[in-house]
Amino acid sequence: MEMTVIEHDGAMLARLEGDDRVFEVRFDALEPTDVTLRFRRGGERVGSVYNDDGTKRTMARLTTAREGTDFIGVEVPKEFVAEVLDTALETGRVTDETAAEGYRLRVL
């Protein structure tokens, strides 16, 4: 799979592309909790990374622009999640560095 995690046009762009999936999110802040990373853009939550089935599968979720609670979810490798977290830390886009380290210990 091809991974891209870069600063682009004033925000972070995280993209994962493979034969069977494409995941892309643009965010300006990453909000970690013990087991979830929340993508925020303009103060709004636009998606998250969470674990399904305990820690066996790491899923990324994007909210849709439609009304309601629609979302799109896709399995992502932990290497991609680690790259997103590392780059967000390096660029000062993580809202709580202590929580980020807790996430790393529990999930990655």
C-alpha atoms as a PDB file:
ATOM      1  CA  MET A   1       0.000   0.000   0.000  1.00  0.00           C
ATOM      2  CA  GLU A   2       1.126   3.512  -0.733  1.00  0.00           C
ATOM      3  CA  MET A   3       1.072   5.881   2.264  1.00  0.00           C
ATOM      4  CA  THR A   4       1.236   9.674   2.147  1.00  0.00           C
ATOM      5  CA  VAL A   5       1.218  11.800   5.292  1.00  0.00           C
ATOM      6  CA  ILE A   6       2.261  15.397   4.643  1.00  0.00           C
ATOM      7  CA  GLU A   7       1.451  19.009   5.350  1.00  0.00           C
ATOM      8  CA  HIS A   8      -0.441  20.402   2.367  1.00  0.00           C
ATOM      9  CA  ASP A   9      -2.213  23.714   1.854  1.00  0.00           C
ATOM     10  CA  GLY A  10      -2.260  24.651   5.542  1.00  0.00           C
ATOM     11  CA  ALA A  11      -3.435  21.262   6.813  1.00  0.00           C
ATOM     12  CA  MET A  12      -2.321  17.646   7.131  1.00  0.00           C
ATOM     13  CA  LEU A  13      -3.164  15.232   4.351  1.00  0.00           C
ATOM     14  CA  ALA A  14      -3.161  11.516   5.177  1.00  0.00           C
ATOM     15  CA  ARG A  15      -3.772   9.108   2.304  1.00  0.00           C
ATOM     16  CA  LEU A  16      -3.577   5.340   2.070  1.00  0.00           C
ATOM     17  CA  GLU A  17      -4.009   3.706  -1.307  1.00  0.00           C
ATOM     18  CA  GLY A  18      -4.035   0.022  -2.156  1.00  0.00           C
ATOM     19  CA  ASP A  19      -5.569  -2.320  -4.691  1.00  0.00           C
ATOM     20  CA  ASP A  20      -8.700  -2.730  -2.588  1.00  0.00           C
ATOM     21  CA  ARG A  21      -9.081   0.611  -0.790  1.00  0.00           C
ATOM     22  CA  VAL A  22      -8.383   4.304  -0.700  1.00  0.00           C
ATOM     23  CA  PHE A  23      -8.564   6.352   2.476  1.00  0.00           C
ATOM     24  CA  GLU A  24      -7.869  10.072   2.559  1.00  0.00           C
ATOM     25  CA  VAL A  25      -8.462  12.680   5.235  1.00  0.00           C
ATOM     26  CA  ARG A  26      -7.476  16.342   5.536  1.00  0.00           C
ATOM     27  CA  PHE A  27      -7.232  17.695   9.071  1.00  0.00           C
ATOM     28  CA  ASP A  28      -5.680  20.517  11.062  1.00  0.00           C
ATOM     29  CA  ALA A  29      -5.614  18.842  14.493  1.00  0.00           C
ATOM     30  CA  LEU A  30      -5.347  15.311  15.822  1.00  0.00           C
ATOM     31  CA  GLU A  31      -7.079  14.700  19.147  1.00  0.00           C
ATOM     32  CA  PRO A  32      -5.891  11.500  20.887  1.00  0.00           C
ATOM     33  CA  THR A  33      -7.676   9.575  23.609  1.00  0.00           C
ATOM     34  CA  ASP A  34      -6.653   6.292  25.203  1.00  0.00           C
ATOM     35  CA  VAL A  35      -7.819   4.220  22.219  1.00  0.00           C
ATOM     36  CA  THR A  36      -8.972   6.675  19.521  1.00  0.00           C
ATOM     37  CA  LEU A  37      -7.437   9.363  17.331  1.00  0.00           C
ATOM     38  CA  ARG A  38      -9.920  12.033  16.223  1.00  0.00           C
ATOM     39  CA  PHE A  39      -9.331  14.051  13.071  1.00  0.00           C
ATOM     40  CA  ARG A  40     -10.477  17.685  13.427  1.00  0.00           C
ATOM     41  CA  ARG A  41     -10.800  20.344  10.752  1.00  0.00           C
ATOM     42  CA  GLY A  42     -12.023  23.821  11.599  1.00  0.00           C
ATOM     43  CA  GLY A  43     -12.954  22.632  15.082  1.00  0.00           C
ATOM     44  CA  GLU A  44     -15.258  19.922  13.713  1.00  0.00           C
ATOM     45  CA  ARG A  45     -14.664  16.183  13.962  1.00  0.00           C
ATOM     46  CA  VAL A  46     -14.260  14.828  10.432  1.00  0.00           C
ATOM     47  CA  GLY A  47     -13.194  11.289  11.271  1.00  0.00           C
ATOM     48  CA  SER A  48     -11.292   9.010  13.601  1.00  0.00           C
ATOM     49  CA  VAL A  49      -9.080   5.970  13.941  1.00  0.00           C
ATOM     50  CA  TYR A  50     -10.304   3.332  16.352  1.00  0.00           C
ATOM     51  CA  ASN A  51      -9.841  -0.339  17.092  1.00  0.00           C
ATOM     52  CA  ASP A  52     -12.390  -2.956  16.167  1.00  0.00           C
ATOM     53  CA  ASP A  53     -12.404  -6.363  17.882  1.00  0.00           C
ATOM     54  CA  GLY A  54     -10.104  -5.163  20.652  1.00  0.00           C
ATOM     55  CA  THR A  55      -6.773  -4.382  19.009  1.00  0.00           C
ATOM     56  CA  LYS A  56      -6.908  -6.864  16.109  1.00  0.00           C
ATOM     57  CA  ARG A  57      -8.158  -4.450  13.454  1.00  0.00           C
ATOM     58  CA  THR A  58      -7.471  -0.751  13.203  1.00  0.00           C
ATOM     59  CA  MET A  59     -10.266   1.097  11.437  1.00  0.00           C
ATOM     60  CA  ALA A  60     -10.402   4.613  10.047  1.00  0.00           C
ATOM     61  CA  ARG A  61     -13.735   6.363   9.881  1.00  0.00           C
ATOM     62  CA  LEU A  62     -14.766   9.484   7.974  1.00  0.00           C
ATOM     63  CA  THR A  63     -17.989  11.344   8.578  1.00  0.00           C
ATOM     64  CA  THR A  64     -19.906  12.269   5.444  1.00  0.00           C
ATOM     65  CA  ALA A  65     -21.136  15.715   4.467  1.00  0.00           C
ATOM     66  CA  ARG A  66     -24.713  14.435   4.433  1.00  0.00           C
ATOM     67  CA  GLU A  67     -27.114  15.039   7.283  1.00  0.00           C
ATOM     68  CA  GLY A  68     -27.333  12.381   9.949  1.00  0.00           C
ATOM     69  CA  THR A  69     -24.689  10.020  11.234  1.00  0.00           C
ATOM     70  CA  ASP A  70     -23.459   8.472   7.982  1.00  0.00           C
ATOM     71  CA  PHE A  71     -19.839   7.448   7.893  1.00  0.00           C
ATOM     72  CA  ILE A  72     -17.372   5.517   5.779  1.00  0.00           C
ATOM     73  CA  GLY A  73     -15.061   3.013   7.496  1.00  0.00           C
ATOM     74  CA  VAL A  74     -12.020   1.158   6.198  1.00  0.00           C
ATOM     75  CA  GLU A  75      -9.376  -1.053   7.794  1.00  0.00           C
ATOM     76  CA  VAL A  76      -5.948   0.604   7.910  1.00  0.00           C
ATOM     77  CA  PRO A  77      -2.558  -0.856   8.910  1.00  0.00           C
ATOM     78  CA  LYS A  78      -1.043   0.212  12.209  1.00  0.00           C
ATOM     79  CA  GLU A  79       2.042   1.438  10.303  1.00  0.00           C
ATOM     80  CA  PHE A  80      -0.159   4.066   8.623  1.00  0.00           C
ATOM     81  CA  VAL A  81      -1.673   5.096  11.956  1.00  0.00           C
ATOM     82  CA  ALA A  82       1.818   5.405  13.488  1.00  0.00           C
ATOM     83  CA  GLU A  83       2.932   7.584  10.561  1.00  0.00           C
ATOM     84  CA  VAL A  84      -0.099   9.853  10.989  1.00  0.00           C
ATOM     85  CA  LEU A  85       0.550  10.176  14.730  1.00  0.00           C
ATOM     86  CA  ASP A  86       4.303  10.770  14.301  1.00  0.00           C
ATOM     87  CA  THR A  87       3.833  13.422  11.613  1.00  0.00           C
ATOM     88  CA  ALA A  88       1.104  15.182  13.590  1.00  0.00           C
ATOM     89  CA  LEU A  89       3.405  15.270  16.635  1.00  0.00           C
ATOM     90  CA  GLU A  90       6.321  16.599  14.568  1.00  0.00           C
ATOM     91  CA  THR A  91       4.203  19.389  13.098  1.00  0.00           C
ATOM     92  CA  GLY A  92       2.536  20.424  16.367  1.00  0.00           C
ATOM     93  CA  ARG A  93      -0.952  19.283  15.365  1.00  0.00           C
ATOM     94  CA  VAL A  94      -1.620  16.948  18.324  1.00  0.00           C
ATOM     95  CA  THR A  95      -3.914  18.450  20.951  1.00  0.00           C
ATOM     96  CA  ASP A  96      -2.471  16.450  23.886  1.00  0.00           C
ATOM     97  CA  GLU A  97       0.996  14.884  23.656  1.00  0.00           C
ATOM     98  CA  THR A  98       0.566  12.900  26.882  1.00  0.00           C
ATOM     99  CA  ALA A  99      -2.632  11.312  25.568  1.00  0.00           C
ATOM    100  CA  ALA A 100      -0.821  10.598  22.280  1.00  0.00           C
ATOM    101  CA  GLU A 101       1.843   8.606  24.113  1.00  0.00           C
ATOM    102  CA  GLY A 102      -0.873   6.717  26.000  1.00  0.00           C
ATOM    103  CA  TYR A 103      -2.525   5.886  22.672  1.00  0.00           C
ATOM    104  CA  ARG A 104       0.805   4.674  21.303  1.00  0.00           C
ATOM    105  CA  LEU A 105       1.300   2.382  24.310  1.00  0.00           C
ATOM    106  CA  ARG A 106      -2.199   0.920  24.217  1.00  0.00           C
ATOM    107  CA  VAL A 107      -2.809   0.604  20.483  1.00  0.00           C
ATOM    108  CA  LEU A 108       0.404   0.694  18.496  1.00  0.00           C
END
